[in-house]
Protein backbone atom coordinates (compact mmCIF):
# COMPACT_ATOMS: atom_id res chain seq x y z
CA MET A 1 147.61 87.21 63.79
CA VAL A 2 144.05 86.66 64.98
CA ASP A 3 141.95 89.82 65.31
CA SER A 4 140.22 90.29 68.68
CA TYR A 5 136.51 89.66 68.53
CA LYS A 6 134.31 92.72 68.40
CA PRO A 7 130.57 92.24 68.67
CA ARG A 8 128.68 93.49 65.68
CA LYS A 9 125.82 95.92 65.95
CA GLY A 10 122.70 94.03 66.85
CA ASP A 11 124.57 91.03 68.28
CA LYS A 12 121.83 89.12 70.17
CA SER A 13 124.07 87.60 72.85
CA THR A 14 125.46 90.99 73.86
CA SER A 15 122.00 92.58 73.86
CA SER A 16 120.63 89.76 76.02
CA SER A 17 123.51 90.08 78.49
CA GLN A 18 123.03 93.81 78.79
CA SER A 19 119.29 93.31 79.32
CA GLU A 20 119.91 90.79 82.11
CA THR A 21 122.41 93.11 83.79
CA SER A 22 119.95 96.00 83.58
CA ALA A 23 117.14 93.87 85.05
CA LEU A 24 119.37 92.72 87.92
CA ARG A 25 120.33 96.32 88.63
CA ARG A 26 116.67 97.41 88.70
CA TRP A 27 115.70 94.60 91.07
CA GLY A 28 118.70 95.32 93.24
CA ILE A 29 117.69 98.97 93.54
CA ARG A 30 114.10 97.95 94.37
CA ALA A 31 115.32 95.55 97.05
CA ILE A 32 117.46 98.29 98.62
CA ILE A 33 114.54 100.76 98.57
CA LEU A 34 112.24 98.15 100.14
CA ALA A 35 114.80 97.39 102.87
CA LEU A 36 115.15 101.11 103.58
CA ILE A 37 111.36 101.52 103.84
CA VAL A 38 111.06 98.55 106.21
CA GLY A 39 113.96 99.85 108.30
CA LEU A 40 112.46 103.34 108.39
CA TYR A 41 109.07 101.94 109.45
CA GLN A 42 110.62 99.86 112.25
CA TRP A 43 112.59 102.85 113.51
CA ALA A 44 109.53 105.12 113.28
CA ASN A 45 107.56 102.69 115.44
CA THR A 46 110.07 103.21 118.24
CA ILE A 47 109.39 106.96 118.43
CA ASN A 48 105.72 107.49 117.58
CA ASP A 49 104.53 107.10 121.16
CA ARG A 50 106.14 110.43 122.07
CA PHE A 51 103.57 112.20 119.86
CA TYR A 52 100.43 110.71 121.41
CA ARG A 53 98.19 113.03 123.42
CA LEU A 54 95.46 110.52 124.26
CA THR A 55 95.29 107.11 125.91
CA PRO A 56 92.67 104.37 125.46
CA GLU A 57 92.18 104.21 129.24
CA GLU A 58 91.48 107.92 129.58
CA LEU A 59 89.16 107.87 126.56
CA ASN A 60 87.17 104.99 128.03
CA GLU A 61 86.85 106.91 131.29
CA THR A 62 85.50 109.85 129.29
CA VAL A 63 83.10 107.56 127.43
CA GLN A 64 81.82 106.04 130.68
CA HIS A 65 81.29 109.50 132.17
CA SER A 66 79.48 110.66 129.02
CA LEU A 67 77.20 107.61 129.01
CA ARG A 68 76.22 108.33 132.61
CA LEU A 69 75.57 112.03 131.88
CA ALA A 70 73.56 111.18 128.77
CA SER A 71 71.47 108.72 130.77
CA GLU A 72 70.71 111.42 133.33
CA LEU A 73 69.75 113.89 130.59
CA ASN A 74 67.40 111.31 129.10
CA LYS A 75 65.72 110.83 132.49
CA ASN A 76 65.29 114.58 132.77
CA GLY A 77 63.34 114.70 129.52
CA ASP A 78 65.93 115.76 126.93
CA SER A 79 64.16 115.75 123.55
CA GLY A 80 67.11 114.46 121.49
CA THR A 81 67.68 110.86 120.44
CA ASN A 82 69.87 108.75 122.69
CA SER A 83 72.72 108.64 120.13
CA THR A 84 72.62 112.42 119.69
CA ILE A 85 72.72 113.06 123.44
CA ILE A 86 75.60 110.62 123.97
CA ILE A 87 77.72 112.00 121.12
CA SER A 88 77.05 115.62 122.10
CA THR A 89 77.93 114.94 125.74
CA LEU A 90 81.05 113.02 124.74
CA ILE A 91 82.36 115.78 122.49
CA ASP A 92 81.82 118.37 125.22
CA GLN A 93 83.81 116.17 127.61
CA LEU A 94 86.69 115.69 125.14
CA VAL A 95 86.97 119.43 124.49
CA GLU A 96 86.87 120.17 128.21
CA ARG A 97 89.50 117.55 129.11
CA HIS A 98 91.85 118.29 126.20
CA PRO A 99 91.72 122.02 125.41
CA GLU A 100 95.26 121.79 124.03
CA MET A 101 94.03 119.70 121.09
CA SER A 102 92.23 120.79 117.94
CA TRP A 103 88.69 119.35 117.77
CA SER A 104 85.92 119.41 115.20
CA THR A 105 82.69 119.66 117.18
CA ASP A 106 79.83 120.48 114.78
CA PHE A 107 78.72 116.87 114.36
CA LYS A 108 75.18 117.95 113.43
CA ASN A 109 76.57 119.45 110.21
CA LYS A 110 75.87 116.66 107.70
CA ARG A 111 78.41 118.11 105.27
CA ASP A 112 81.24 116.89 107.52
CA TRP A 113 79.90 113.33 107.74
CA VAL A 114 81.15 110.94 105.07
CA PHE A 115 80.49 107.35 104.16
CA ASN A 116 83.38 104.93 104.48
CA ASN A 117 83.62 101.69 102.51
CA ALA A 118 86.49 99.50 103.68
CA GLY A 119 86.96 95.75 103.77
CA GLY A 120 83.44 95.21 102.47
CA ALA A 121 81.84 97.10 105.36
CA MET A 122 80.02 100.39 104.95
CA GLY A 123 79.51 102.99 107.64
CA SER A 124 79.64 106.72 108.14
CA MET A 125 82.11 108.75 110.14
CA TYR A 126 82.65 112.17 111.64
CA ILE A 127 86.29 113.14 112.21
CA LEU A 128 86.82 114.75 115.60
CA HIS A 129 90.62 114.86 115.39
CA ALA A 130 93.13 113.65 112.80
CA SER A 131 96.90 113.96 112.91
CA ILE A 132 99.81 111.91 111.58
CA THR A 133 99.93 109.63 114.63
CA GLU A 134 96.36 109.70 116.01
CA TYR A 135 92.82 109.96 114.83
CA ILE A 136 89.57 109.92 116.74
CA ILE A 137 86.22 109.67 114.99
CA ILE A 138 82.58 108.84 115.54
CA PHE A 139 81.98 105.77 113.38
CA GLY A 140 79.05 103.43 112.89
CA SER A 141 75.94 102.64 110.90
CA ALA A 142 72.23 103.30 111.35
CA VAL A 143 71.35 100.09 109.46
CA GLY A 144 74.21 97.80 110.49
CA THR A 145 77.20 96.45 108.57
CA GLU A 146 79.88 93.74 108.58
CA GLY A 147 83.23 93.16 106.95
CA HIS A 148 87.00 92.76 107.15
CA SER A 149 88.79 94.80 109.83
CA GLY A 150 91.95 95.31 107.77
CA ARG A 151 95.47 94.41 108.82
CA HIS A 152 96.81 97.73 110.06
CA THR A 153 100.05 99.29 111.24
CA ALA A 154 98.16 101.05 114.05
CA ASP A 155 96.19 99.96 117.11
CA ASP A 156 92.47 100.63 116.77
CA TYR A 157 90.15 101.03 119.76
CA PHE A 158 86.37 100.99 119.33
CA HIS A 159 84.65 102.49 122.39
CA ILE A 160 81.06 101.37 121.90
CA LEU A 161 78.48 104.12 122.51
CA THR A 162 75.25 102.52 121.31
CA GLY A 163 74.21 99.20 119.79
CA GLN A 164 76.48 96.18 119.71
CA GLN A 165 79.59 95.07 117.85
CA THR A 166 80.71 91.45 117.49
CA ALA A 167 83.92 90.03 116.04
CA TYR A 168 86.16 86.99 115.82
CA GLU A 169 89.58 85.94 114.54
CA ALA A 170 90.07 83.02 112.14
CA GLY A 171 90.05 79.83 114.21
CA ASP A 172 87.77 81.18 116.94
CA LEU A 173 84.50 79.25 117.23
CA THR A 174 82.70 81.80 119.39
CA ARG A 175 82.26 85.53 118.89
CA GLU A 176 83.49 88.45 120.93
CA ILE A 177 80.62 90.71 122.06
CA TYR A 178 80.97 94.43 122.76
CA ASN A 179 78.15 96.52 124.27
CA PRO A 180 77.94 100.24 125.21
CA GLY A 181 80.87 101.16 127.43
CA ASP A 182 83.02 98.23 126.21
CA VAL A 183 86.28 98.67 124.29
CA HIS A 184 87.09 96.53 121.28
CA HIS A 185 90.85 96.66 120.75
CA MET A 186 91.83 95.68 117.21
CA LYS A 187 95.56 95.14 117.61
CA ARG A 188 97.98 96.19 114.89
CA GLY A 189 98.73 93.34 112.52
CA VAL A 190 95.68 91.31 113.65
CA VAL A 191 92.73 90.79 111.31
CA LYS A 192 89.11 90.04 112.24
CA GLN A 193 85.67 89.81 110.76
CA TYR A 194 83.36 92.19 112.58
CA VAL A 195 79.64 92.97 112.64
CA ALA A 196 77.90 96.13 113.82
CA ALA A 197 74.20 95.83 114.67
CA PRO A 198 71.79 98.54 113.45
CA GLU A 199 72.26 101.89 115.20
CA THR A 200 75.69 100.98 116.50
CA TRP A 201 77.93 104.00 117.02
CA ALA A 202 81.41 104.05 118.47
CA LEU A 203 84.18 106.44 119.37
CA GLU A 204 87.03 105.02 117.31
CA TYR A 205 90.59 105.88 118.35
CA ALA A 206 93.60 104.82 116.29
CA ARG A 207 97.23 105.38 117.26
CA GLY A 208 100.20 104.64 115.04
CA TRP A 209 101.27 105.99 111.64
CA ILE A 210 97.83 106.96 110.36
CA PRO A 211 98.71 107.67 106.67
CA LEU A 212 99.61 103.98 106.29
CA MET A 213 95.97 103.10 107.09
CA LEU A 214 94.56 105.26 104.30
CA PRO A 215 95.04 102.84 101.35
CA PHE A 216 92.72 100.31 103.05
CA GLY A 217 90.17 103.07 103.56
CA PHE A 218 90.35 104.13 99.90
CA ALA A 219 90.57 100.73 98.15
CA ASP A 220 86.85 99.88 98.07
CA THR A 221 86.07 103.31 96.63
CA LEU A 222 88.70 103.02 93.91
CA PHE A 223 87.95 99.42 92.92
CA SER A 224 84.30 98.91 93.86
CA THR A 225 81.93 101.79 94.62
CA LEU A 226 83.69 104.42 92.44
CA ASP A 227 82.09 107.04 94.69
CA LEU A 228 84.66 109.70 93.91
CA ILE A 229 82.63 112.49 95.51
CA THR A 230 82.79 110.73 98.88
CA LEU A 231 86.50 110.07 98.32
CA TYR A 232 87.03 113.78 97.64
CA HIS A 233 85.26 114.80 100.86
CA THR A 234 87.17 112.16 102.87
CA VAL A 235 90.50 113.48 101.57
CA ARG A 236 89.36 117.08 102.04
CA ILE A 237 88.36 116.65 105.67
CA THR A 238 91.23 114.35 106.66
CA GLY A 239 93.84 116.49 104.91
CA LYS A 240 92.45 119.67 106.45
CA GLU A 241 92.65 118.22 109.96
CA MET A 242 96.14 116.76 109.55
CA ILE A 243 97.56 119.96 108.08
CA LYS A 244 95.86 122.07 110.75
CA ASN A 245 97.43 119.91 113.47
CA LEU A 246 100.87 119.96 111.84
CA LEU A 247 100.73 123.75 111.80
CA ILE A 248 100.23 123.79 115.58
CA GLY A 249 103.00 121.25 116.13
CA LYS A 250 100.88 118.10 116.56
CA ILE A 251 102.38 115.21 114.61
């Protein structure tokens, strides 16, 4: 009578088979998790518009009104710089038009300004409002910058306040030009190269799932500048604003 075969301890064929089965199981689990994440993201994109409080059209109307008011103040001999007058007037208008929202308004406090390195471009920003589905900031550069826009899961609207921004998509042979009062809409999923002239400042409004934009904003710091102090302050200010808004019911 022939004994049934029993693999000996350390049998290489059995060990290899078990290893292959384990690897297939791991990859199967990863594929399921990835499919769930993609499905969750697609579903989330069908509901995020119910959490928006702002619209690009209304913001541009506010920007236009603020530019006119700032121009009048300049004519009447206001001693501040043009950028300062415009930003101050704009913030006052936003607070007045949206008292239901939480705003940071002390833009003259340098401690709440932070540099941002992303896509090779460097600028500084002041966060006016940040929640899970919307953020609105003052962003720009006193010396100018250029870089990669990023391929985002949110729509990004640059309302130009001062200076000039130019951009183009791959394949375009002429540039897009945006001057004060213009809106540069960087659509979700679309990537551009952009340039900001010296002393270009914009009201930047993003709407979508904002946390998914953060890795792009942190990558240059982690792998290039290693400016961990700036990273700390960026996380501190952004986290503070998002948590504050969640506590008052703003997603």
